[in-house]
Amino acid sequence: MAAPEELVLRPIGVVHSPFLERQDAPRQAVESDTGGTIELYPESGIEHALEDLAGFSRIWVLFWFHHNQGWTPKVRPPRSVERRGVFATRAPYRPNPIGMSAVELVSVAGLVLTIKKLDMLEGTPVLDIKPYIPYTDAFPDASSGWLETAERPRDPGPSYEIEFAEPAEARLRFLEAEHGLELREAVERALALGPAPHPYRRIKKDGDGFVLAYREWRFPFASEGERIVVLSVRSGYRPSEILSGDDPKLHVHRAFVMRFGSA
């Protein structure tokens, strides 16, 4: 059967969020206490569409994964050791990159919705807003499919003990004290599910160990049992880029390499 003609979607607003990159955001809204806003675009009658919404404590937000390019039919989600069909996951790499989050609604003022439990990135296009209704939207006894037999079916909190060796500690202290760059919490969050190489969390094998990529930084680490030790911190740029590049971000990396070297 041939696919129907294309559908045209028009964003109704945009998310304002402290999360700038995918690695910064929690995987599910329920894991976040972070707040932000949804700003609707002004158009005829849109303010009337928001009437009566303030009485709901939660809302569904349908949005567009605007950082995605292309899709893949099978993905390996963070809690799986094998690849799964994308429709059996919440992965963003979908034929139509539509996401949905049940967030807390704090207030509605004009065309601005203040929300909590945020998991969307800054600039995320919003497609629709619907009220969350517990008796129709919550099914505690529903089957969770492959998650019921996964190694970690739920994420109650970090299950791996994360430690930082002194070389890593020294470099993190330097980046925080000299450049206001705080990376520790993001590294702990990325490693909380364990050391297995994973494209979504940007973990790869690195010789006899592993390396985590976060933004423009690399974090070699080793693991034993339920313990992960971050061994060091290094720049993700090549030495030639650090010395001759024009990107303003390179200022921090030049200072870092002058202090600690490029290894």
C-alpha atoms as a PDB file:
ATOM      1  CA  MET A   1       0.000   0.000   0.000  1.00  0.00           C
ATOM      2  CA  ALA A   2       1.426   3.379  -0.985  1.00  0.00           C
ATOM      3  CA  ALA A   3       2.042   5.946   1.723  1.00  0.00           C
ATOM      4  CA  PRO A   4      -0.346   8.887   1.722  1.00  0.00           C
ATOM      5  CA  GLU A   5       0.793  12.331   0.719  1.00  0.00           C
ATOM      6  CA  GLU A   6       2.952  14.240   3.170  1.00  0.00           C
ATOM      7  CA  LEU A   7       1.447  15.988   6.174  1.00  0.00           C
ATOM      8  CA  VAL A   8       2.532  19.487   7.124  1.00  0.00           C
ATOM      9  CA  LEU A   9       3.082  20.273  10.805  1.00  0.00           C
ATOM     10  CA  ARG A  10       3.354  23.813  12.116  1.00  0.00           C
ATOM     11  CA  PRO A  11       4.973  24.455  15.522  1.00  0.00           C
ATOM     12  CA  ILE A  12       2.752  26.336  17.942  1.00  0.00           C
ATOM     13  CA  GLY A  13       5.545  27.380  20.286  1.00  0.00           C
ATOM     14  CA  VAL A  14       9.053  26.779  21.582  1.00  0.00           C
ATOM     15  CA  VAL A  15      10.637  25.373  24.741  1.00  0.00           C
ATOM     16  CA  HIS A  16      13.022  27.476  26.820  1.00  0.00           C
ATOM     17  CA  SER A  17      15.235  25.104  28.772  1.00  0.00           C
ATOM     18  CA  PRO A  18      18.601  25.055  30.578  1.00  0.00           C
ATOM     19  CA  PHE A  19      19.459  21.882  28.621  1.00  0.00           C
ATOM     20  CA  LEU A  20      21.494  22.845  25.575  1.00  0.00           C
ATOM     21  CA  GLU A  21      22.709  19.432  24.406  1.00  0.00           C
ATOM     22  CA  ARG A  22      21.171  15.969  24.339  1.00  0.00           C
ATOM     23  CA  GLN A  23      23.569  14.603  26.933  1.00  0.00           C
ATOM     24  CA  ASP A  24      22.457  17.302  29.374  1.00  0.00           C
ATOM     25  CA  ALA A  25      18.808  16.267  29.417  1.00  0.00           C
ATOM     26  CA  PRO A  26      17.377  13.373  31.455  1.00  0.00           C
ATOM     27  CA  ARG A  27      16.069  10.437  29.450  1.00  0.00           C
ATOM     28  CA  GLN A  28      12.565  10.772  30.889  1.00  0.00           C
ATOM     29  CA  ALA A  29      10.743  13.786  32.294  1.00  0.00           C
ATOM     30  CA  VAL A  30       9.942  11.963  35.534  1.00  0.00           C
ATOM     31  CA  GLU A  31      13.678  11.852  36.349  1.00  0.00           C
ATOM     32  CA  SER A  32      13.998  15.651  36.270  1.00  0.00           C
ATOM     33  CA  ASP A  33      13.211  18.402  38.757  1.00  0.00           C
ATOM     34  CA  THR A  34      14.341  21.077  36.306  1.00  0.00           C
ATOM     35  CA  GLY A  35      12.022  23.906  35.348  1.00  0.00           C
ATOM     36  CA  GLY A  36      11.539  25.832  32.122  1.00  0.00           C
ATOM     37  CA  THR A  37       8.880  27.455  29.978  1.00  0.00           C
ATOM     38  CA  ILE A  38       6.884  26.911  26.819  1.00  0.00           C
ATOM     39  CA  GLU A  39       6.293  30.119  24.871  1.00  0.00           C
ATOM     40  CA  LEU A  40       3.461  29.946  22.352  1.00  0.00           C
ATOM     41  CA  TYR A  41       3.694  31.953  19.161  1.00  0.00           C
ATOM     42  CA  PRO A  42       1.129  34.750  18.969  1.00  0.00           C
ATOM     43  CA  GLU A  43      -1.610  34.183  16.445  1.00  0.00           C
ATOM     44  CA  SER A  44      -5.319  34.814  16.226  1.00  0.00           C
ATOM     45  CA  GLY A  45      -7.190  33.038  19.000  1.00  0.00           C
ATOM     46  CA  ILE A  46      -4.261  31.099  20.458  1.00  0.00           C
ATOM     47  CA  GLU A  47      -4.803  32.666  23.888  1.00  0.00           C
ATOM     48  CA  HIS A  48      -8.301  31.201  23.985  1.00  0.00           C
ATOM     49  CA  ALA A  49      -6.882  27.719  23.396  1.00  0.00           C
ATOM     50  CA  LEU A  50      -5.143  27.972  26.778  1.00  0.00           C
ATOM     51  CA  GLU A  51      -8.304  28.693  28.735  1.00  0.00           C
ATOM     52  CA  ASP A  52      -9.018  26.136  31.533  1.00  0.00           C
ATOM     53  CA  LEU A  53      -5.604  24.483  31.166  1.00  0.00           C
ATOM     54  CA  ALA A  54      -4.270  25.936  34.441  1.00  0.00           C
ATOM     55  CA  GLY A  55      -6.518  23.576  36.422  1.00  0.00           C
ATOM     56  CA  PHE A  56      -4.431  20.553  35.372  1.00  0.00           C
ATOM     57  CA  SER A  57      -1.301  19.646  37.325  1.00  0.00           C
ATOM     58  CA  ARG A  58       0.299  17.798  34.392  1.00  0.00           C
ATOM     59  CA  ILE A  59       0.207  18.191  30.635  1.00  0.00           C
ATOM     60  CA  TRP A  60       1.362  16.181  27.656  1.00  0.00           C
ATOM     61  CA  VAL A  61       3.737  18.081  25.386  1.00  0.00           C
ATOM     62  CA  LEU A  62       4.184  16.781  21.845  1.00  0.00           C
ATOM     63  CA  PHE A  63       7.366  18.128  20.290  1.00  0.00           C
ATOM     64  CA  TRP A  64       9.880  17.740  17.477  1.00  0.00           C
ATOM     65  CA  PHE A  65      13.363  16.251  18.049  1.00  0.00           C
ATOM     66  CA  HIS A  66      14.956  19.105  16.153  1.00  0.00           C
ATOM     67  CA  HIS A  67      18.566  17.929  16.565  1.00  0.00           C
ATOM     68  CA  ASN A  68      17.903  14.641  14.777  1.00  0.00           C
ATOM     69  CA  GLN A  69      18.860  13.881  11.207  1.00  0.00           C
ATOM     70  CA  GLY A  70      17.489  10.682   9.728  1.00  0.00           C
ATOM     71  CA  TRP A  71      16.253   7.639  11.607  1.00  0.00           C
ATOM     72  CA  THR A  72      17.147   3.998  12.222  1.00  0.00           C
ATOM     73  CA  PRO A  73      14.796   1.006  12.552  1.00  0.00           C
ATOM     74  CA  LYS A  74      16.761  -0.567  15.432  1.00  0.00           C
ATOM     75  CA  VAL A  75      18.463   1.173  18.348  1.00  0.00           C
ATOM     76  CA  ARG A  76      20.151   0.136  21.582  1.00  0.00           C
ATOM     77  CA  PRO A  77      18.465   2.031  24.413  1.00  0.00           C
ATOM     78  CA  PRO A  78      20.438   2.751  27.607  1.00  0.00           C
ATOM     79  CA  ARG A  79      18.796  -0.049  29.594  1.00  0.00           C
ATOM     80  CA  SER A  80      19.265  -2.763  26.954  1.00  0.00           C
ATOM     81  CA  VAL A  81      22.285  -4.876  26.090  1.00  0.00           C
ATOM     82  CA  GLU A  82      20.898  -5.569  22.600  1.00  0.00           C
ATOM     83  CA  ARG A  83      19.322  -3.597  19.784  1.00  0.00           C
ATOM     84  CA  ARG A  84      15.556  -3.114  19.822  1.00  0.00           C
ATOM     85  CA  GLY A  85      13.001  -2.012  17.260  1.00  0.00           C
ATOM     86  CA  VAL A  86      12.707   1.753  17.509  1.00  0.00           C
ATOM     87  CA  PHE A  87       8.927   1.552  17.978  1.00  0.00           C
ATOM     88  CA  ALA A  88       9.557  -0.523  21.134  1.00  0.00           C
ATOM     89  CA  THR A  89      11.664   2.303  22.620  1.00  0.00           C
ATOM     90  CA  ARG A  90      11.477   6.000  23.446  1.00  0.00           C
ATOM     91  CA  ALA A  91      14.566   6.710  21.306  1.00  0.00           C
ATOM     92  CA  PRO A  92      14.462   9.961  19.302  1.00  0.00           C
ATOM     93  CA  TYR A  93      15.669   8.352  16.041  1.00  0.00           C
ATOM     94  CA  ARG A  94      12.195   7.850  14.538  1.00  0.00           C
ATOM     95  CA  PRO A  95      10.733   8.098  11.006  1.00  0.00           C
ATOM     96  CA  ASN A  96       8.926  11.232  12.217  1.00  0.00           C
ATOM     97  CA  PRO A  97      10.982  12.581  15.137  1.00  0.00           C
ATOM     98  CA  ILE A  98       8.023  13.314  17.394  1.00  0.00           C
ATOM     99  CA  GLY A  99       8.525  13.227  21.158  1.00  0.00           C
ATOM    100  CA  MET A 100       6.096  13.354  24.040  1.00  0.00           C
ATOM    101  CA  SER A 101       6.607  14.261  27.682  1.00  0.00           C
ATOM    102  CA  ALA A 102       4.251  14.423  30.642  1.00  0.00           C
ATOM    103  CA  VAL A 103       5.479  17.506  32.503  1.00  0.00           C
ATOM    104  CA  GLU A 104       4.228  19.373  35.563  1.00  0.00           C
ATOM    105  CA  LEU A 105       2.305  22.543  34.798  1.00  0.00           C
ATOM    106  CA  VAL A 106       3.178  25.284  37.296  1.00  0.00           C
ATOM    107  CA  SER A 107       1.341  28.241  35.804  1.00  0.00           C
ATOM    108  CA  VAL A 108      -0.111  29.831  32.683  1.00  0.00           C
ATOM    109  CA  ALA A 109       0.513  33.540  32.136  1.00  0.00           C
ATOM    110  CA  GLY A 110      -0.444  34.992  28.790  1.00  0.00           C
ATOM    111  CA  LEU A 111       1.193  32.790  26.169  1.00  0.00           C
ATOM    112  CA  VAL A 112       3.845  31.414  28.537  1.00  0.00           C
ATOM    113  CA  LEU A 113       3.495  28.085  30.359  1.00  0.00           C
ATOM    114  CA  THR A 114       5.862  27.520  33.274  1.00  0.00           C
ATOM    115  CA  ILE A 115       6.647  23.831  33.660  1.00  0.00           C
ATOM    116  CA  LYS A 116       8.699  21.422  35.789  1.00  0.00           C
ATOM    117  CA  LYS A 117       9.977  17.869  35.257  1.00  0.00           C
ATOM    118  CA  LEU A 118      11.489  19.109  32.017  1.00  0.00           C
ATOM    119  CA  ASP A 119      13.431  16.834  29.648  1.00  0.00           C
ATOM    120  CA  MET A 120      13.407  18.908  26.439  1.00  0.00           C
ATOM    121  CA  LEU A 121      16.225  20.964  24.963  1.00  0.00           C
ATOM    122  CA  GLU A 122      16.372  24.711  24.486  1.00  0.00           C
ATOM    123  CA  GLY A 123      14.643  25.661  21.257  1.00  0.00           C
ATOM    124  CA  THR A 124      12.553  22.491  20.966  1.00  0.00           C
ATOM    125  CA  PRO A 125       9.565  23.137  18.648  1.00  0.00           C
ATOM    126  CA  VAL A 126       6.237  22.362  20.348  1.00  0.00           C
ATOM    127  CA  LEU A 127       3.573  20.715  18.171  1.00  0.00           C
ATOM    128  CA  ASP A 128       0.678  20.304  20.598  1.00  0.00           C
ATOM    129  CA  ILE A 129      -0.369  20.432  24.258  1.00  0.00           C
ATOM    130  CA  LYS A 130      -2.923  18.142  25.882  1.00  0.00           C
ATOM    131  CA  PRO A 131      -4.039  17.723  29.496  1.00  0.00           C
ATOM    132  CA  TYR A 132      -2.783  14.679  31.387  1.00  0.00           C
ATOM    133  CA  ILE A 133      -5.816  12.818  32.779  1.00  0.00           C
ATOM    134  CA  PRO A 134      -4.895  10.098  35.320  1.00  0.00           C
ATOM    135  CA  TYR A 135      -7.843   7.772  34.783  1.00  0.00           C
ATOM    136  CA  THR A 136      -7.258   7.603  31.028  1.00  0.00           C
ATOM    137  CA  ASP A 137      -3.472   8.045  30.842  1.00  0.00           C
ATOM    138  CA  ALA A 138      -2.158   5.892  33.724  1.00  0.00           C
ATOM    139  CA  PHE A 139      -2.201   2.083  33.531  1.00  0.00           C
ATOM    140  CA  PRO A 140      -0.008   0.749  36.386  1.00  0.00           C
ATOM    141  CA  ASP A 141      -0.682  -2.888  35.473  1.00  0.00           C
ATOM    142  CA  ALA A 142       0.277  -2.546  31.807  1.00  0.00           C
ATOM    143  CA  SER A 143       3.033  -4.803  30.454  1.00  0.00           C
ATOM    144  CA  SER A 144       6.445  -3.177  29.938  1.00  0.00           C
ATOM    145  CA  GLY A 145       7.558  -5.548  27.180  1.00  0.00           C
ATOM    146  CA  TRP A 146      11.292  -6.209  26.982  1.00  0.00           C
ATOM    147  CA  LEU A 147      11.928  -3.854  29.917  1.00  0.00           C
ATOM    148  CA  GLU A 148      10.487  -6.476  32.272  1.00  0.00           C
ATOM    149  CA  THR A 149      13.474  -8.742  31.577  1.00  0.00           C
ATOM    150  CA  ALA A 150      16.100  -6.027  31.039  1.00  0.00           C
ATOM    151  CA  GLU A 151      19.194  -5.868  33.242  1.00  0.00           C
ATOM    152  CA  ARG A 152      17.947  -2.544  34.605  1.00  0.00           C
ATOM    153  CA  PRO A 153      14.194  -2.245  33.976  1.00  0.00           C
ATOM    154  CA  ARG A 154      13.997   0.992  35.954  1.00  0.00           C
ATOM    155  CA  ASP A 155      16.351   3.766  37.003  1.00  0.00           C
ATOM    156  CA  PRO A 156      15.782   4.436  40.706  1.00  0.00           C
ATOM    157  CA  GLY A 157      19.148   6.165  40.828  1.00  0.00           C
ATOM    158  CA  PRO A 158      22.805   5.545  39.993  1.00  0.00           C
ATOM    159  CA  SER A 159      23.601   1.885  40.595  1.00  0.00           C
ATOM    160  CA  TYR A 160      27.309   2.240  39.841  1.00  0.00           C
ATOM    161  CA  GLU A 161      29.717   3.840  42.278  1.00  0.00           C
ATOM    162  CA  ILE A 162      31.465   6.679  40.414  1.00  0.00           C
ATOM    163  CA  GLU A 163      34.907   7.786  41.598  1.00  0.00           C
ATOM    164  CA  PHE A 164      37.380  10.325  40.210  1.00  0.00           C
ATOM    165  CA  ALA A 165      41.106   9.604  40.323  1.00  0.00           C
ATOM    166  CA  GLU A 166      43.326  12.503  41.348  1.00  0.00           C
ATOM    167  CA  PRO A 167      44.350  13.446  37.765  1.00  0.00           C
ATOM    168  CA  ALA A 168      40.654  13.729  36.878  1.00  0.00           C
ATOM    169  CA  GLU A 169      39.926  15.664  40.082  1.00  0.00           C
ATOM    170  CA  ALA A 170      42.721  18.177  39.375  1.00  0.00           C
ATOM    171  CA  ARG A 171      41.509  18.819  35.844  1.00  0.00           C
ATOM    172  CA  LEU A 172      37.878  19.186  36.885  1.00  0.00           C
ATOM    173  CA  ARG A 173      38.863  21.633  39.647  1.00  0.00           C
ATOM    174  CA  PHE A 174      40.842  23.683  37.144  1.00  0.00           C
ATOM    175  CA  LEU A 175      37.989  23.863  34.637  1.00  0.00           C
ATOM    176  CA  GLU A 176      35.507  24.839  37.336  1.00  0.00           C
ATOM    177  CA  ALA A 177      37.678  27.363  39.212  1.00  0.00           C
ATOM    178  CA  GLU A 178      39.349  29.019  36.230  1.00  0.00           C
ATOM    179  CA  HIS A 179      36.620  28.809  33.588  1.00  0.00           C
ATOM    180  CA  GLY A 180      33.333  28.151  35.424  1.00  0.00           C
ATOM    181  CA  LEU A 181      32.932  24.879  33.544  1.00  0.00           C
ATOM    182  CA  GLU A 182      31.169  22.274  35.704  1.00  0.00           C
ATOM    183  CA  LEU A 183      31.328  18.796  34.204  1.00  0.00           C
ATOM    184  CA  ARG A 184      31.317  16.415  37.177  1.00  0.00           C
ATOM    185  CA  GLU A 185      27.536  15.986  37.525  1.00  0.00           C
ATOM    186  CA  ALA A 186      27.077  15.356  33.808  1.00  0.00           C
ATOM    187  CA  VAL A 187      29.809  12.707  33.821  1.00  0.00           C
ATOM    188  CA  GLU A 188      28.268  10.962  36.840  1.00  0.00           C
ATOM    189  CA  ARG A 189      24.859  10.986  35.181  1.00  0.00           C
ATOM    190  CA  ALA A 190      26.212   9.597  31.915  1.00  0.00           C
ATOM    191  CA  LEU A 191      28.050   6.749  33.676  1.00  0.00           C
ATOM    192  CA  ALA A 192      25.262   5.908  36.131  1.00  0.00           C
ATOM    193  CA  LEU A 193      23.962   3.044  33.960  1.00  0.00           C
ATOM    194  CA  GLY A 194      27.365   1.436  33.636  1.00  0.00           C
ATOM    195  CA  PRO A 195      30.425   1.272  31.406  1.00  0.00           C
ATOM    196  CA  ALA A 196      29.164  -0.675  28.383  1.00  0.00           C
ATOM    197  CA  PRO A 197      29.966   1.042  25.061  1.00  0.00           C
ATOM    198  CA  HIS A 198      26.875   2.847  23.910  1.00  0.00           C
ATOM    199  CA  PRO A 199      26.276   5.381  21.082  1.00  0.00           C
ATOM    200  CA  TYR A 200      23.526   7.311  22.893  1.00  0.00           C
ATOM    201  CA  ARG A 201      25.709   7.930  25.955  1.00  0.00           C
ATOM    202  CA  ARG A 202      28.795   8.295  23.724  1.00  0.00           C
ATOM    203  CA  ILE A 203      30.872   5.599  25.423  1.00  0.00           C
ATOM    204  CA  LYS A 204      33.527   3.743  23.409  1.00  0.00           C
ATOM    205  CA  LYS A 205      36.321   1.273  23.999  1.00  0.00           C
ATOM    206  CA  ASP A 206      39.666   3.011  24.482  1.00  0.00           C
ATOM    207  CA  GLY A 207      42.570   0.558  24.512  1.00  0.00           C
ATOM    208  CA  ASP A 208      42.129  -1.619  27.602  1.00  0.00           C
ATOM    209  CA  GLY A 209      39.546   0.756  29.071  1.00  0.00           C
ATOM    210  CA  PHE A 210      36.745   3.043  27.962  1.00  0.00           C
ATOM    211  CA  VAL A 211      36.204   6.710  27.196  1.00  0.00           C
ATOM    212  CA  LEU A 212      33.136   8.881  27.644  1.00  0.00           C
ATOM    213  CA  ALA A 213      32.606  11.836  25.307  1.00  0.00           C
ATOM    214  CA  TYR A 214      30.726  14.784  26.752  1.00  0.00           C
ATOM    215  CA  ARG A 215      30.528  18.006  24.753  1.00  0.00           C
ATOM    216  CA  GLU A 216      34.096  18.758  23.624  1.00  0.00           C
ATOM    217  CA  TRP A 217      35.714  16.784  26.461  1.00  0.00           C
ATOM    218  CA  ARG A 218      36.813  13.184  26.852  1.00  0.00           C
ATOM    219  CA  PHE A 219      36.859  11.163  30.078  1.00  0.00           C
ATOM    220  CA  PRO A 220      38.896   7.919  30.091  1.00  0.00           C
ATOM    221  CA  PHE A 221      37.641   5.515  32.739  1.00  0.00           C
ATOM    222  CA  ALA A 222      38.012   1.978  34.041  1.00  0.00           C
ATOM    223  CA  SER A 223      35.447  -0.285  35.663  1.00  0.00           C
ATOM    224  CA  GLU A 224      35.417  -3.241  38.008  1.00  0.00           C
ATOM    225  CA  GLY A 225      32.151  -4.768  39.157  1.00  0.00           C
ATOM    226  CA  GLU A 226      29.771  -1.968  40.148  1.00  0.00           C
ATOM    227  CA  ARG A 227      32.603   0.597  40.471  1.00  0.00           C
ATOM    228  CA  ILE A 228      33.691   3.065  37.785  1.00  0.00           C
ATOM    229  CA  VAL A 229      36.821   5.210  38.135  1.00  0.00           C
ATOM    230  CA  VAL A 230      37.227   8.276  35.922  1.00  0.00           C
ATOM    231  CA  LEU A 231      40.963   8.352  35.303  1.00  0.00           C
ATOM    232  CA  SER A 232      41.531  11.718  33.655  1.00  0.00           C
ATOM    233  CA  VAL A 233      40.084  14.480  31.480  1.00  0.00           C
ATOM    234  CA  ARG A 234      41.327  15.488  28.062  1.00  0.00           C
ATOM    235  CA  SER A 235      40.278  17.779  25.247  1.00  0.00           C
ATOM    236  CA  GLY A 236      38.254  16.305  22.409  1.00  0.00           C
ATOM    237  CA  TYR A 237      39.964  18.587  19.894  1.00  0.00           C
ATOM    238  CA  ARG A 238      43.042  17.615  17.929  1.00  0.00           C
ATOM    239  CA  PRO A 239      46.237  19.510  18.895  1.00  0.00           C
ATOM    240  CA  SER A 240      46.283  21.239  15.495  1.00  0.00           C
ATOM    241  CA  GLU A 241      42.722  22.503  16.065  1.00  0.00           C
ATOM    242  CA  ILE A 242      43.557  23.795  19.523  1.00  0.00           C
ATOM    243  CA  LEU A 243      46.595  25.717  18.256  1.00  0.00           C
ATOM    244  CA  SER A 244      45.126  27.241  15.120  1.00  0.00           C
ATOM    245  CA  GLY A 245      41.334  27.114  15.327  1.00  0.00           C
ATOM    246  CA  ASP A 246      39.156  30.233  15.525  1.00  0.00           C
ATOM    247  CA  ASP A 247      36.255  28.784  17.565  1.00  0.00           C
ATOM    248  CA  PRO A 248      35.846  30.817  20.821  1.00  0.00           C
ATOM    249  CA  LYS A 249      35.472  27.512  22.717  1.00  0.00           C
ATOM    250  CA  LEU A 250      39.120  26.786  21.980  1.00  0.00           C
ATOM    251  CA  HIS A 251      40.313  29.419  24.490  1.00  0.00           C
ATOM    252  CA  VAL A 252      39.492  27.078  27.365  1.00  0.00           C
ATOM    253  CA  HIS A 253      41.085  24.116  25.615  1.00  0.00           C
ATOM    254  CA  ARG A 254      44.316  26.048  24.950  1.00  0.00           C
ATOM    255  CA  ALA A 255      44.554  26.999  28.611  1.00  0.00           C
ATOM    256  CA  PHE A 256      43.798  23.423  29.611  1.00  0.00           C
ATOM    257  CA  VAL A 257      46.478  21.932  27.350  1.00  0.00           C
ATOM    258  CA  MET A 258      49.054  24.500  28.499  1.00  0.00           C
ATOM    259  CA  ARG A 259      48.374  23.385  32.095  1.00  0.00           C
ATOM    260  CA  PHE A 260      47.997  19.613  31.691  1.00  0.00           C
ATOM    261  CA  GLY A 261      49.201  18.682  28.215  1.00  0.00           C
ATOM    262  CA  SER A 262      47.186  16.978  25.494  1.00  0.00           C
ATOM    263  CA  ALA A 263      47.452  13.359  26.653  1.00  0.00           C
END
